[in-house]
Amino acid sequence: MTRAADASESADTPFVERVSDRWALIFDESRSNAFELRQHLRGNCQPHRHVQVARVHSRWAHGPDGHGDIPVHIYEPLSTHTTPGANTHSALIVYFHGGGFVLRDSVGRDADCRRLANGVGAVVVAVDYRLAPQSRFPAALEDAWAATRWAADIAEQMGCDPHRVAVAGEGAGANLAIGVCLLARDRSGPPIAFQLLLCPVVDQRRQSAPTPTPPRAAVVTAEHLHWFSDQYLAGDQDRLNPLASPLLAELCTLPPAHLVLAHADPQRVAGEQFARQLRAAGVPTTARCYPGMFHGFYNLADQLDTAARANADVHTILRDALNSPDSQSRRILR
């Protein structure tokens, strides 16, 4: 770790400890009622209009058969990046928010979507998939795949290149992004150009060993993640489904991937293993682990220097991956 990175981590430590204490209190008070926990956190979520984009508007994506349409929010960047010598269409990123399949909606990740759109110069479609425990696995995944198909189908109407569609997600949303790539491969489309996986949940088996970290440093602990999985999955059979635990999936022919990992994330070791399995399957894969960080840190770019750096890293990698075929970001980051 460089001196600058070490100083950044040290400066972030007091904030990390405050976040850990506050989250533990909120979770312990509300864990008996998923709806109460969701409402508690939703009350603190407002659109971050101080991050200016060209336009934000909402639409309805065609949902899975018999389950109604899916609300999506579309972020158009202040400026776009296009492939040299190709058309003038921008890339398209379909984004799935985190929250353990239980919490949040895309409004809770409004600032992230705005930063992502501007940082990459791409249109971002944020998906409000169905939440657990009211809707259990695979409802969220089927919504995610249906919304991705819809976005790819109308990409040109949105001024986007249908051959440069990426999926991205954080935590549970990263789990859905991987699932969308698996379904797109096995159901013959739509073609996905890249997958961005932020602190991905890749193994929901209870017997899997979590990353050994002090609870206060972890913020979100293995116990927390198990609780969220219990809301989403009906039982052990679901935990062993590769679409719920993609560490168990056959990964060949998936699109190139970049993983953002947090050192104190209970899923970090599983994420590192997932990156190795992607590479072993022939999938161009990069990964970067951020010392001192916790599950979900990426969303705190306004408060954490390390999160701001991770955002900048991701924007560079995605711009390169979606706009430059001979990208240097394809090499393994160490």
C-alpha atoms as a PDB file:
ATOM      1  CA  MET A   1       0.000   0.000   0.000  1.00  0.00           C
ATOM      2  CA  THR A   2       1.347   3.461  -0.877  1.00  0.00           C
ATOM      3  CA  ARG A   3       1.870   6.184   1.721  1.00  0.00           C
ATOM      4  CA  ALA A   4      -1.006   8.155   0.199  1.00  0.00           C
ATOM      5  CA  ALA A   5      -3.324   5.152   0.425  1.00  0.00           C
ATOM      6  CA  ASP A   6      -2.165   4.449   3.987  1.00  0.00           C
ATOM      7  CA  ALA A   7      -2.871   8.063   4.983  1.00  0.00           C
ATOM      8  CA  SER A   8      -6.287   7.922   3.311  1.00  0.00           C
ATOM      9  CA  GLU A   9      -7.192   4.727   5.170  1.00  0.00           C
ATOM     10  CA  SER A  10      -6.051   6.232   8.473  1.00  0.00           C
ATOM     11  CA  ALA A  11      -8.106   9.384   7.885  1.00  0.00           C
ATOM     12  CA  ASP A  12     -11.166   7.264   7.090  1.00  0.00           C
ATOM     13  CA  THR A  13     -10.962   5.142  10.268  1.00  0.00           C
ATOM     14  CA  PRO A  14     -12.978   7.394  12.656  1.00  0.00           C
ATOM     15  CA  PHE A  15     -15.785   7.671  10.110  1.00  0.00           C
ATOM     16  CA  VAL A  16     -15.795   3.895   9.562  1.00  0.00           C
ATOM     17  CA  GLU A  17     -16.158   3.339  13.303  1.00  0.00           C
ATOM     18  CA  ARG A  18     -19.064   5.800  13.528  1.00  0.00           C
ATOM     19  CA  VAL A  19     -20.810   4.110  10.594  1.00  0.00           C
ATOM     20  CA  SER A  20     -20.272   0.716  12.224  1.00  0.00           C
ATOM     21  CA  ASP A  21     -21.802   1.816  15.529  1.00  0.00           C
ATOM     22  CA  ARG A  22     -24.797   3.487  13.866  1.00  0.00           C
ATOM     23  CA  TRP A  23     -25.529   0.549  11.555  1.00  0.00           C
ATOM     24  CA  ALA A  24     -25.301  -1.941  14.431  1.00  0.00           C
ATOM     25  CA  LEU A  25     -27.838   0.094  16.409  1.00  0.00           C
ATOM     26  CA  ILE A  26     -30.266   0.445  13.486  1.00  0.00           C
ATOM     27  CA  PHE A  27     -30.008  -3.238  12.582  1.00  0.00           C
ATOM     28  CA  ASP A  28     -30.454  -4.504  16.138  1.00  0.00           C
ATOM     29  CA  GLU A  29     -33.525  -2.300  16.657  1.00  0.00           C
ATOM     30  CA  SER A  30     -35.247  -3.251  13.399  1.00  0.00           C
ATOM     31  CA  ARG A  31     -34.065  -6.737  12.401  1.00  0.00           C
ATOM     32  CA  SER A  32     -37.293  -8.394  13.549  1.00  0.00           C
ATOM     33  CA  ASN A  33     -39.224  -6.481  10.890  1.00  0.00           C
ATOM     34  CA  ALA A  34     -37.747  -6.103   7.403  1.00  0.00           C
ATOM     35  CA  PHE A  35     -40.364  -3.507   6.468  1.00  0.00           C
ATOM     36  CA  GLU A  36     -39.483  -1.378   9.512  1.00  0.00           C
ATOM     37  CA  LEU A  37     -35.776  -1.581   8.701  1.00  0.00           C
ATOM     38  CA  ARG A  38     -36.480  -0.597   5.105  1.00  0.00           C
ATOM     39  CA  GLN A  39     -38.610   2.373   6.128  1.00  0.00           C
ATOM     40  CA  HIS A  40     -36.043   3.548   8.657  1.00  0.00           C
ATOM     41  CA  LEU A  41     -33.327   3.738   6.008  1.00  0.00           C
ATOM     42  CA  ARG A  42     -35.581   5.045   3.250  1.00  0.00           C
ATOM     43  CA  GLY A  43     -36.383   8.105   5.360  1.00  0.00           C
ATOM     44  CA  ASN A  44     -32.765   9.206   4.973  1.00  0.00           C
ATOM     45  CA  CYS A  45     -32.714   8.846   1.177  1.00  0.00           C
ATOM     46  CA  GLN A  46     -33.214  11.834  -1.070  1.00  0.00           C
ATOM     47  CA  PRO A  47     -32.118  12.499  -4.655  1.00  0.00           C
ATOM     48  CA  HIS A  48     -28.639  14.067  -4.755  1.00  0.00           C
ATOM     49  CA  ARG A  49     -29.369  16.847  -7.198  1.00  0.00           C
ATOM     50  CA  HIS A  50     -26.089  18.586  -6.329  1.00  0.00           C
ATOM     51  CA  VAL A  51     -24.443  15.989  -8.601  1.00  0.00           C
ATOM     52  CA  GLN A  52     -25.625  17.470 -11.873  1.00  0.00           C
ATOM     53  CA  VAL A  53     -26.418  15.267 -14.860  1.00  0.00           C
ATOM     54  CA  ALA A  54     -28.003  16.203 -18.161  1.00  0.00           C
ATOM     55  CA  ARG A  55     -31.332  14.574 -17.322  1.00  0.00           C
ATOM     56  CA  VAL A  56     -33.038  12.109 -14.990  1.00  0.00           C
ATOM     57  CA  HIS A  57     -36.355  10.560 -15.912  1.00  0.00           C
ATOM     58  CA  SER A  58     -38.388   7.518 -14.945  1.00  0.00           C
ATOM     59  CA  ARG A  59     -40.003   4.848 -17.073  1.00  0.00           C
ATOM     60  CA  TRP A  60     -41.510   1.383 -16.773  1.00  0.00           C
ATOM     61  CA  ALA A  61     -39.571  -1.591 -18.106  1.00  0.00           C
ATOM     62  CA  HIS A  62     -41.406  -4.686 -19.287  1.00  0.00           C
ATOM     63  CA  GLY A  63     -41.376  -7.128 -16.382  1.00  0.00           C
ATOM     64  CA  PRO A  64     -41.396 -10.936 -16.242  1.00  0.00           C
ATOM     65  CA  ASP A  65     -44.565 -12.539 -17.560  1.00  0.00           C
ATOM     66  CA  GLY A  66     -47.408 -12.155 -15.084  1.00  0.00           C
ATOM     67  CA  HIS A  67     -45.561  -9.869 -12.671  1.00  0.00           C
ATOM     68  CA  GLY A  68     -46.150  -6.384 -14.013  1.00  0.00           C
ATOM     69  CA  ASP A  69     -43.747  -3.732 -15.171  1.00  0.00           C
ATOM     70  CA  ILE A  70     -40.623  -2.599 -13.339  1.00  0.00           C
ATOM     71  CA  PRO A  71     -39.856   1.027 -12.420  1.00  0.00           C
ATOM     72  CA  VAL A  72     -36.520   2.242 -13.762  1.00  0.00           C
ATOM     73  CA  HIS A  73     -34.741   5.589 -13.527  1.00  0.00           C
ATOM     74  CA  ILE A  74     -32.602   6.782 -16.426  1.00  0.00           C
ATOM     75  CA  TYR A  75     -29.577   9.048 -15.908  1.00  0.00           C
ATOM     76  CA  GLU A  76     -28.139  10.859 -18.918  1.00  0.00           C
ATOM     77  CA  PRO A  77     -24.568  12.147 -18.456  1.00  0.00           C
ATOM     78  CA  LEU A  78     -23.401  15.705 -18.944  1.00  0.00           C
ATOM     79  CA  SER A  79     -21.142  14.442 -21.739  1.00  0.00           C
ATOM     80  CA  THR A  80     -20.706  11.065 -23.415  1.00  0.00           C
ATOM     81  CA  HIS A  81     -17.722   8.975 -24.414  1.00  0.00           C
ATOM     82  CA  THR A  82     -17.972   7.214 -27.752  1.00  0.00           C
ATOM     83  CA  THR A  83     -15.877   4.594 -29.497  1.00  0.00           C
ATOM     84  CA  PRO A  84     -13.354   6.232 -31.883  1.00  0.00           C
ATOM     85  CA  GLY A  85     -14.222   5.588 -35.502  1.00  0.00           C
ATOM     86  CA  ALA A  86     -17.595   4.092 -34.590  1.00  0.00           C
ATOM     87  CA  ASN A  87     -21.045   5.572 -34.121  1.00  0.00           C
ATOM     88  CA  THR A  88     -21.843   8.470 -31.842  1.00  0.00           C
ATOM     89  CA  HIS A  89     -23.979   6.435 -29.452  1.00  0.00           C
ATOM     90  CA  SER A  90     -22.951   6.207 -25.806  1.00  0.00           C
ATOM     91  CA  ALA A  91     -22.542   3.092 -23.724  1.00  0.00           C
ATOM     92  CA  LEU A  92     -25.408   1.881 -21.528  1.00  0.00           C
ATOM     93  CA  ILE A  93     -25.046   0.657 -17.941  1.00  0.00           C
ATOM     94  CA  VAL A  94     -27.884  -1.220 -16.235  1.00  0.00           C
ATOM     95  CA  TYR A  95     -27.426  -0.721 -12.489  1.00  0.00           C
ATOM     96  CA  PHE A  96     -28.800  -2.805  -9.603  1.00  0.00           C
ATOM     97  CA  HIS A  97     -28.737  -1.237  -6.140  1.00  0.00           C
ATOM     98  CA  GLY A  98     -27.569  -3.042  -3.025  1.00  0.00           C
ATOM     99  CA  GLY A  99     -29.375  -3.553   0.269  1.00  0.00           C
ATOM    100  CA  GLY A 100     -29.344  -7.288   0.892  1.00  0.00           C
ATOM    101  CA  PHE A 101     -32.283  -7.893  -1.495  1.00  0.00           C
ATOM    102  CA  VAL A 102     -34.415  -6.243   1.240  1.00  0.00           C
ATOM    103  CA  LEU A 103     -33.488  -2.574   1.558  1.00  0.00           C
ATOM    104  CA  ARG A 104     -33.312   0.516  -0.567  1.00  0.00           C
ATOM    105  CA  ASP A 105     -34.463   1.368  -4.009  1.00  0.00           C
ATOM    106  CA  SER A 106     -32.650   3.200  -6.764  1.00  0.00           C
ATOM    107  CA  VAL A 107     -33.447   6.577  -5.137  1.00  0.00           C
ATOM    108  CA  GLY A 108     -31.224   5.459  -2.269  1.00  0.00           C
ATOM    109  CA  ARG A 109     -28.398   5.128  -4.765  1.00  0.00           C
ATOM    110  CA  ASP A 110     -29.190   8.302  -6.703  1.00  0.00           C
ATOM    111  CA  ALA A 111     -25.792   9.922  -6.124  1.00  0.00           C
ATOM    112  CA  ASP A 112     -23.995   6.738  -7.211  1.00  0.00           C
ATOM    113  CA  CYS A 113     -25.944   6.622 -10.458  1.00  0.00           C
ATOM    114  CA  ARG A 114     -25.268  10.293 -11.149  1.00  0.00           C
ATOM    115  CA  ARG A 115     -21.544   9.889 -10.503  1.00  0.00           C
ATOM    116  CA  LEU A 116     -21.444   6.733 -12.602  1.00  0.00           C
ATOM    117  CA  ALA A 117     -23.190   8.368 -15.563  1.00  0.00           C
ATOM    118  CA  ASN A 118     -20.903  11.402 -15.562  1.00  0.00           C
ATOM    119  CA  GLY A 119     -17.729   9.497 -14.692  1.00  0.00           C
ATOM    120  CA  VAL A 120     -18.125   6.953 -17.480  1.00  0.00           C
ATOM    121  CA  GLY A 121     -19.977   9.187 -19.940  1.00  0.00           C
ATOM    122  CA  ALA A 122     -22.709   6.581 -20.289  1.00  0.00           C
ATOM    123  CA  VAL A 123     -26.465   6.376 -19.810  1.00  0.00           C
ATOM    124  CA  VAL A 124     -27.334   4.584 -16.558  1.00  0.00           C
ATOM    125  CA  VAL A 125     -30.607   2.686 -16.113  1.00  0.00           C
ATOM    126  CA  ALA A 126     -31.249   2.036 -12.405  1.00  0.00           C
ATOM    127  CA  VAL A 127     -33.685  -0.796 -11.723  1.00  0.00           C
ATOM    128  CA  ASP A 128     -36.179  -0.966  -8.838  1.00  0.00           C
ATOM    129  CA  TYR A 129     -36.470  -4.748  -8.659  1.00  0.00           C
ATOM    130  CA  ARG A 130     -38.870  -6.494  -6.275  1.00  0.00           C
ATOM    131  CA  LEU A 131     -37.638  -6.767  -2.683  1.00  0.00           C
ATOM    132  CA  ALA A 132     -37.640  -9.565  -0.122  1.00  0.00           C
ATOM    133  CA  PRO A 133     -39.183 -10.919   1.991  1.00  0.00           C
ATOM    134  CA  GLN A 134     -42.383 -10.043   0.120  1.00  0.00           C
ATOM    135  CA  SER A 135     -40.791 -11.359  -3.084  1.00  0.00           C
ATOM    136  CA  ARG A 136     -38.278 -14.151  -2.651  1.00  0.00           C
ATOM    137  CA  PHE A 137     -35.665 -15.630  -4.986  1.00  0.00           C
ATOM    138  CA  PRO A 138     -35.683 -15.577  -7.981  1.00  0.00           C
ATOM    139  CA  ALA A 139     -38.073 -12.586  -8.211  1.00  0.00           C
ATOM    140  CA  ALA A 140     -35.367  -9.903  -7.995  1.00  0.00           C
ATOM    141  CA  LEU A 141     -33.206 -11.730 -10.530  1.00  0.00           C
ATOM    142  CA  GLU A 142     -36.037 -12.195 -13.004  1.00  0.00           C
ATOM    143  CA  ASP A 143     -36.809  -8.470 -12.698  1.00  0.00           C
ATOM    144  CA  ALA A 144     -33.147  -7.628 -13.239  1.00  0.00           C
ATOM    145  CA  TRP A 145     -32.920  -9.797 -16.349  1.00  0.00           C
ATOM    146  CA  ALA A 146     -36.211  -8.497 -17.770  1.00  0.00           C
ATOM    147  CA  ALA A 147     -35.133  -4.883 -17.223  1.00  0.00           C
ATOM    148  CA  THR A 148     -31.790  -5.576 -18.893  1.00  0.00           C
ATOM    149  CA  ARG A 149     -33.514  -7.120 -21.904  1.00  0.00           C
ATOM    150  CA  TRP A 150     -35.837  -4.119 -22.119  1.00  0.00           C
ATOM    151  CA  ALA A 151     -32.960  -1.637 -21.879  1.00  0.00           C
ATOM    152  CA  ALA A 152     -30.955  -3.470 -24.543  1.00  0.00           C
ATOM    153  CA  ASP A 153     -33.984  -3.613 -26.835  1.00  0.00           C
ATOM    154  CA  ILE A 154     -34.519   0.153 -26.690  1.00  0.00           C
ATOM    155  CA  ALA A 155     -30.851   1.156 -26.389  1.00  0.00           C
ATOM    156  CA  GLU A 156     -30.835   2.993 -29.698  1.00  0.00           C
ATOM    157  CA  GLN A 157     -33.979   4.910 -28.716  1.00  0.00           C
ATOM    158  CA  MET A 158     -32.019   6.178 -25.699  1.00  0.00           C
ATOM    159  CA  GLY A 159     -29.071   7.169 -27.873  1.00  0.00           C
ATOM    160  CA  CYS A 160     -27.028   4.166 -26.770  1.00  0.00           C
ATOM    161  CA  ASP A 161     -25.050   1.480 -28.545  1.00  0.00           C
ATOM    162  CA  PRO A 162     -26.753  -1.924 -28.027  1.00  0.00           C
ATOM    163  CA  HIS A 163     -23.345  -3.594 -28.397  1.00  0.00           C
ATOM    164  CA  ARG A 164     -21.944  -1.678 -25.417  1.00  0.00           C
ATOM    165  CA  VAL A 165     -24.344  -2.658 -22.646  1.00  0.00           C
ATOM    166  CA  ALA A 166     -22.808  -3.284 -19.223  1.00  0.00           C
ATOM    167  CA  VAL A 167     -24.381  -4.459 -15.990  1.00  0.00           C
ATOM    168  CA  ALA A 168     -23.297  -3.136 -12.606  1.00  0.00           C
ATOM    169  CA  GLY A 169     -24.337  -3.608  -9.019  1.00  0.00           C
ATOM    170  CA  GLU A 170     -23.292  -3.328  -5.399  1.00  0.00           C
ATOM    171  CA  GLY A 171     -23.623  -6.119  -2.823  1.00  0.00           C
ATOM    172  CA  ALA A 172     -26.906  -7.879  -3.574  1.00  0.00           C
ATOM    173  CA  GLY A 173     -27.068  -5.846  -6.780  1.00  0.00           C
ATOM    174  CA  ALA A 174     -23.733  -7.300  -7.867  1.00  0.00           C
ATOM    175  CA  ASN A 175     -25.174 -10.761  -7.210  1.00  0.00           C
ATOM    176  CA  LEU A 176     -28.025  -9.840  -9.570  1.00  0.00           C
ATOM    177  CA  ALA A 177     -25.595  -8.478 -12.172  1.00  0.00           C
ATOM    178  CA  ILE A 178     -23.759 -11.812 -12.230  1.00  0.00           C
ATOM    179  CA  GLY A 179     -27.080 -13.649 -12.435  1.00  0.00           C
ATOM    180  CA  VAL A 180     -28.128 -11.487 -15.389  1.00  0.00           C
ATOM    181  CA  CYS A 181     -24.897 -12.427 -17.180  1.00  0.00           C
ATOM    182  CA  LEU A 182     -25.550 -16.122 -16.520  1.00  0.00           C
ATOM    183  CA  LEU A 183     -29.146 -15.866 -17.754  1.00  0.00           C
ATOM    184  CA  ALA A 184     -28.142 -13.824 -20.792  1.00  0.00           C
ATOM    185  CA  ARG A 185     -25.651 -16.543 -21.698  1.00  0.00           C
ATOM    186  CA  ASP A 186     -28.051 -19.426 -21.108  1.00  0.00           C
ATOM    187  CA  ARG A 187     -31.136 -17.749 -22.597  1.00  0.00           C
ATOM    188  CA  SER A 188     -29.400 -16.400 -25.706  1.00  0.00           C
ATOM    189  CA  GLY A 189     -29.174 -12.748 -24.831  1.00  0.00           C
ATOM    190  CA  PRO A 190     -29.107  -9.894 -24.568  1.00  0.00           C
ATOM    191  CA  PRO A 191     -25.366  -9.542 -25.184  1.00  0.00           C
ATOM    192  CA  ILE A 192     -23.531  -8.044 -22.192  1.00  0.00           C
ATOM    193  CA  ALA A 193     -20.229  -6.261 -22.819  1.00  0.00           C
ATOM    194  CA  PHE A 194     -18.989  -5.925 -19.227  1.00  0.00           C
ATOM    195  CA  GLN A 195     -19.912  -6.619 -15.603  1.00  0.00           C
ATOM    196  CA  LEU A 196     -18.960  -4.284 -12.750  1.00  0.00           C
ATOM    197  CA  LEU A 197     -19.217  -6.013  -9.378  1.00  0.00           C
ATOM    198  CA  LEU A 198     -18.962  -3.834  -6.259  1.00  0.00           C
ATOM    199  CA  CYS A 199     -18.485  -5.848  -3.033  1.00  0.00           C
ATOM    200  CA  PRO A 200     -20.353  -8.748  -4.668  1.00  0.00           C
ATOM    201  CA  VAL A 201     -22.307 -11.339  -2.689  1.00  0.00           C
ATOM    202  CA  VAL A 202     -21.226 -14.528  -4.449  1.00  0.00           C
ATOM    203  CA  ASP A 203     -21.758 -17.269  -1.847  1.00  0.00           C
ATOM    204  CA  GLN A 204     -24.939 -17.457   0.246  1.00  0.00           C
ATOM    205  CA  ARG A 205     -24.272 -20.874   1.771  1.00  0.00           C
ATOM    206  CA  ARG A 206     -24.285 -20.704   5.569  1.00  0.00           C
ATOM    207  CA  GLN A 207     -21.357 -23.091   5.866  1.00  0.00           C
ATOM    208  CA  SER A 208     -19.101 -20.832   3.819  1.00  0.00           C
ATOM    209  CA  ALA A 209     -16.327 -19.256   5.875  1.00  0.00           C
ATOM    210  CA  PRO A 210     -16.600 -15.445   6.143  1.00  0.00           C
ATOM    211  CA  THR A 211     -13.610 -13.133   5.931  1.00  0.00           C
ATOM    212  CA  PRO A 212     -12.033 -12.987   9.434  1.00  0.00           C
ATOM    213  CA  THR A 213     -12.331  -9.339  10.540  1.00  0.00           C
ATOM    214  CA  PRO A 214     -13.087  -7.464  13.769  1.00  0.00           C
ATOM    215  CA  PRO A 215     -16.871  -6.713  13.813  1.00  0.00           C
ATOM    216  CA  ARG A 216     -16.413  -2.945  14.179  1.00  0.00           C
ATOM    217  CA  ALA A 217     -14.131  -2.841  11.137  1.00  0.00           C
ATOM    218  CA  ALA A 218     -16.538  -4.985   9.141  1.00  0.00           C
ATOM    219  CA  VAL A 219     -19.567  -2.692   9.731  1.00  0.00           C
ATOM    220  CA  VAL A 220     -21.733  -5.214   7.865  1.00  0.00           C
ATOM    221  CA  THR A 221     -20.938  -8.570   9.490  1.00  0.00           C
ATOM    222  CA  ALA A 222     -21.422 -12.167   8.387  1.00  0.00           C
ATOM    223  CA  GLU A 223     -24.413 -12.341  10.752  1.00  0.00           C
ATOM    224  CA  HIS A 224     -26.005  -9.383   8.967  1.00  0.00           C
ATOM    225  CA  LEU A 225     -25.480 -10.944   5.543  1.00  0.00           C
ATOM    226  CA  HIS A 226     -26.943 -14.259   6.726  1.00  0.00           C
ATOM    227  CA  TRP A 227     -30.054 -12.416   7.937  1.00  0.00           C
ATOM    228  CA  PHE A 228     -30.509 -10.758   4.544  1.00  0.00           C
ATOM    229  CA  SER A 229     -30.060 -14.091   2.770  1.00  0.00           C
ATOM    230  CA  ASP A 230     -32.707 -15.606   5.037  1.00  0.00           C
ATOM    231  CA  GLN A 231     -35.185 -12.952   3.876  1.00  0.00           C
ATOM    232  CA  TYR A 232     -34.415 -13.604   0.199  1.00  0.00           C
ATOM    233  CA  LEU A 233     -33.909 -17.360  -0.010  1.00  0.00           C
ATOM    234  CA  ALA A 234     -36.476 -20.005   0.884  1.00  0.00           C
ATOM    235  CA  GLY A 235     -33.972 -22.580   2.147  1.00  0.00           C
ATOM    236  CA  ASP A 236     -30.840 -24.602   1.510  1.00  0.00           C
ATOM    237  CA  GLN A 237     -31.932 -25.563  -1.988  1.00  0.00           C
ATOM    238  CA  ASP A 238     -31.916 -21.896  -2.979  1.00  0.00           C
ATOM    239  CA  ARG A 239     -28.531 -21.324  -1.305  1.00  0.00           C
ATOM    240  CA  LEU A 240     -27.040 -24.013  -3.546  1.00  0.00           C
ATOM    241  CA  ASN A 241     -28.559 -22.558  -6.713  1.00  0.00           C
ATOM    242  CA  PRO A 242     -25.729 -21.085  -8.836  1.00  0.00           C
ATOM    243  CA  LEU A 243     -27.963 -18.112  -9.640  1.00  0.00           C
ATOM    244  CA  ALA A 244     -28.087 -17.278  -5.909  1.00  0.00           C
ATOM    245  CA  SER A 245     -24.512 -18.360  -5.114  1.00  0.00           C
ATOM    246  CA  PRO A 246     -22.607 -17.726  -8.361  1.00  0.00           C
ATOM    247  CA  LEU A 247     -19.403 -19.041  -6.796  1.00  0.00           C
ATOM    248  CA  LEU A 248     -20.979 -22.426  -7.657  1.00  0.00           C
ATOM    249  CA  ALA A 249     -21.768 -21.486 -11.277  1.00  0.00           C
ATOM    250  CA  GLU A 250     -20.141 -22.502 -14.534  1.00  0.00           C
ATOM    251  CA  LEU A 251     -18.528 -19.227 -15.574  1.00  0.00           C
ATOM    252  CA  CYS A 252     -17.199 -19.839 -19.070  1.00  0.00           C
ATOM    253  CA  THR A 253     -18.098 -17.315 -21.806  1.00  0.00           C
ATOM    254  CA  LEU A 254     -19.267 -14.667 -19.339  1.00  0.00           C
ATOM    255  CA  PRO A 255     -18.410 -11.041 -20.193  1.00  0.00           C
ATOM    256  CA  PRO A 256     -15.260  -9.352 -18.849  1.00  0.00           C
ATOM    257  CA  ALA A 257     -15.510  -8.325 -15.208  1.00  0.00           C
ATOM    258  CA  HIS A 258     -14.055  -5.940 -12.659  1.00  0.00           C
ATOM    259  CA  LEU A 259     -14.513  -6.579  -8.942  1.00  0.00           C
ATOM    260  CA  VAL A 260     -14.230  -3.967  -6.208  1.00  0.00           C
ATOM    261  CA  LEU A 261     -13.499  -5.735  -2.924  1.00  0.00           C
ATOM    262  CA  ALA A 262     -13.335  -4.400   0.636  1.00  0.00           C
ATOM    263  CA  HIS A 263     -10.791  -5.863   3.027  1.00  0.00           C
ATOM    264  CA  ALA A 264     -13.261  -6.091   5.949  1.00  0.00           C
ATOM    265  CA  ASP A 265     -16.181  -7.409   3.881  1.00  0.00           C
ATOM    266  CA  PRO A 266     -17.368 -10.858   5.068  1.00  0.00           C
ATOM    267  CA  GLN A 267     -17.648 -11.787   1.373  1.00  0.00           C
ATOM    268  CA  ARG A 268     -14.129 -10.609   0.457  1.00  0.00           C
ATOM    269  CA  VAL A 269     -12.488 -14.053   0.505  1.00  0.00           C
ATOM    270  CA  ALA A 270     -15.358 -15.477  -1.562  1.00  0.00           C
ATOM    271  CA  GLY A 271     -15.021 -12.514  -3.936  1.00  0.00           C
ATOM    272  CA  GLU A 272     -11.320 -13.203  -4.393  1.00  0.00           C
ATOM    273  CA  GLN A 273     -12.118 -16.849  -5.114  1.00  0.00           C
ATOM    274  CA  PHE A 274     -14.785 -15.786  -7.605  1.00  0.00           C
ATOM    275  CA  ALA A 275     -12.265 -13.595  -9.439  1.00  0.00           C
ATOM    276  CA  ARG A 276      -9.866 -16.551  -9.641  1.00  0.00           C
ATOM    277  CA  GLN A 277     -12.622 -18.806 -10.969  1.00  0.00           C
ATOM    278  CA  LEU A 278     -13.571 -16.245 -13.609  1.00  0.00           C
ATOM    279  CA  ARG A 279      -9.961 -16.089 -14.794  1.00  0.00           C
ATOM    280  CA  ALA A 280      -9.690 -19.876 -14.773  1.00  0.00           C
ATOM    281  CA  ALA A 281     -12.807 -19.986 -16.974  1.00  0.00           C
ATOM    282  CA  GLY A 282     -11.118 -17.684 -19.479  1.00  0.00           C
ATOM    283  CA  VAL A 283     -13.060 -14.541 -18.527  1.00  0.00           C
ATOM    284  CA  PRO A 284     -10.929 -11.349 -18.635  1.00  0.00           C
ATOM    285  CA  THR A 285     -11.118 -10.241 -15.012  1.00  0.00           C
ATOM    286  CA  THR A 286      -9.599  -7.509 -12.874  1.00  0.00           C
ATOM    287  CA  ALA A 287     -10.019  -7.046  -9.147  1.00  0.00           C
ATOM    288  CA  ARG A 288      -8.918  -4.512  -6.573  1.00  0.00           C
ATOM    289  CA  CYS A 289      -9.219  -4.777  -2.805  1.00  0.00           C
ATOM    290  CA  TYR A 290      -9.356  -1.577  -0.738  1.00  0.00           C
ATOM    291  CA  PRO A 291      -7.673  -1.833   2.701  1.00  0.00           C
ATOM    292  CA  GLY A 292      -9.629  -0.745   5.756  1.00  0.00           C
ATOM    293  CA  MET A 293     -12.942  -0.720   3.894  1.00  0.00           C
ATOM    294  CA  PHE A 294     -16.207  -2.552   4.553  1.00  0.00           C
ATOM    295  CA  HIS A 295     -19.146  -4.005   2.630  1.00  0.00           C
ATOM    296  CA  GLY A 296     -20.970  -1.101   0.983  1.00  0.00           C
ATOM    297  CA  PHE A 297     -18.177   1.459   1.383  1.00  0.00           C
ATOM    298  CA  TYR A 298     -18.252   2.352  -2.327  1.00  0.00           C
ATOM    299  CA  ASN A 299     -21.490   4.302  -1.887  1.00  0.00           C
ATOM    300  CA  LEU A 300     -19.905   6.777   0.539  1.00  0.00           C
ATOM    301  CA  ALA A 301     -17.759   8.736  -1.895  1.00  0.00           C
ATOM    302  CA  ASP A 302     -18.859  12.027  -0.315  1.00  0.00           C
ATOM    303  CA  GLN A 303     -17.626  10.939   3.130  1.00  0.00           C
ATOM    304  CA  LEU A 304     -14.713   8.536   2.566  1.00  0.00           C
ATOM    305  CA  ASP A 305     -11.527   9.380   0.669  1.00  0.00           C
ATOM    306  CA  THR A 306     -10.997   5.705  -0.134  1.00  0.00           C
ATOM    307  CA  ALA A 307     -14.524   5.416  -1.536  1.00  0.00           C
ATOM    308  CA  ALA A 308     -13.957   8.492  -3.699  1.00  0.00           C
ATOM    309  CA  ARG A 309     -10.759   6.896  -5.004  1.00  0.00           C
ATOM    310  CA  ALA A 310     -12.593   3.628  -5.694  1.00  0.00           C
ATOM    311  CA  ASN A 311     -15.247   5.531  -7.663  1.00  0.00           C
ATOM    312  CA  ALA A 312     -12.566   7.244  -9.755  1.00  0.00           C
ATOM    313  CA  ASP A 313     -10.839   3.894 -10.371  1.00  0.00           C
ATOM    314  CA  VAL A 314     -14.095   2.293 -11.489  1.00  0.00           C
ATOM    315  CA  HIS A 315     -14.981   5.148 -13.825  1.00  0.00           C
ATOM    316  CA  THR A 316     -11.594   4.866 -15.540  1.00  0.00           C
ATOM    317  CA  ILE A 317     -11.854   1.090 -15.894  1.00  0.00           C
ATOM    318  CA  LEU A 318     -15.411   1.225 -17.243  1.00  0.00           C
ATOM    319  CA  ARG A 319     -14.632   4.033 -19.700  1.00  0.00           C
ATOM    320  CA  ASP A 320     -11.674   2.053 -20.946  1.00  0.00           C
ATOM    321  CA  ALA A 321     -13.565  -1.245 -21.135  1.00  0.00           C
ATOM    322  CA  LEU A 322     -16.602   0.177 -22.923  1.00  0.00           C
ATOM    323  CA  ASN A 323     -14.791   2.518 -25.293  1.00  0.00           C
ATOM    324  CA  SER A 324     -11.363   1.005 -26.027  1.00  0.00           C
ATOM    325  CA  PRO A 325     -11.244  -2.609 -27.236  1.00  0.00           C
ATOM    326  CA  ASP A 326      -7.501  -2.837 -26.552  1.00  0.00           C
ATOM    327  CA  SER A 327      -7.965  -1.543 -23.034  1.00  0.00           C
ATOM    328  CA  GLN A 328      -5.127  -1.712 -20.554  1.00  0.00           C
ATOM    329  CA  SER A 329      -7.743  -2.228 -17.831  1.00  0.00           C
ATOM    330  CA  ARG A 330      -8.042  -5.845 -18.965  1.00  0.00           C
ATOM    331  CA  ARG A 331      -4.774  -6.680 -17.220  1.00  0.00           C
ATOM    332  CA  ILE A 332      -5.040  -8.038 -13.688  1.00  0.00           C
ATOM    333  CA  LEU A 333      -4.769  -5.263 -11.099  1.00  0.00           C
ATOM    334  CA  ARG A 334      -2.587  -6.200  -8.174  1.00  0.00           C
END
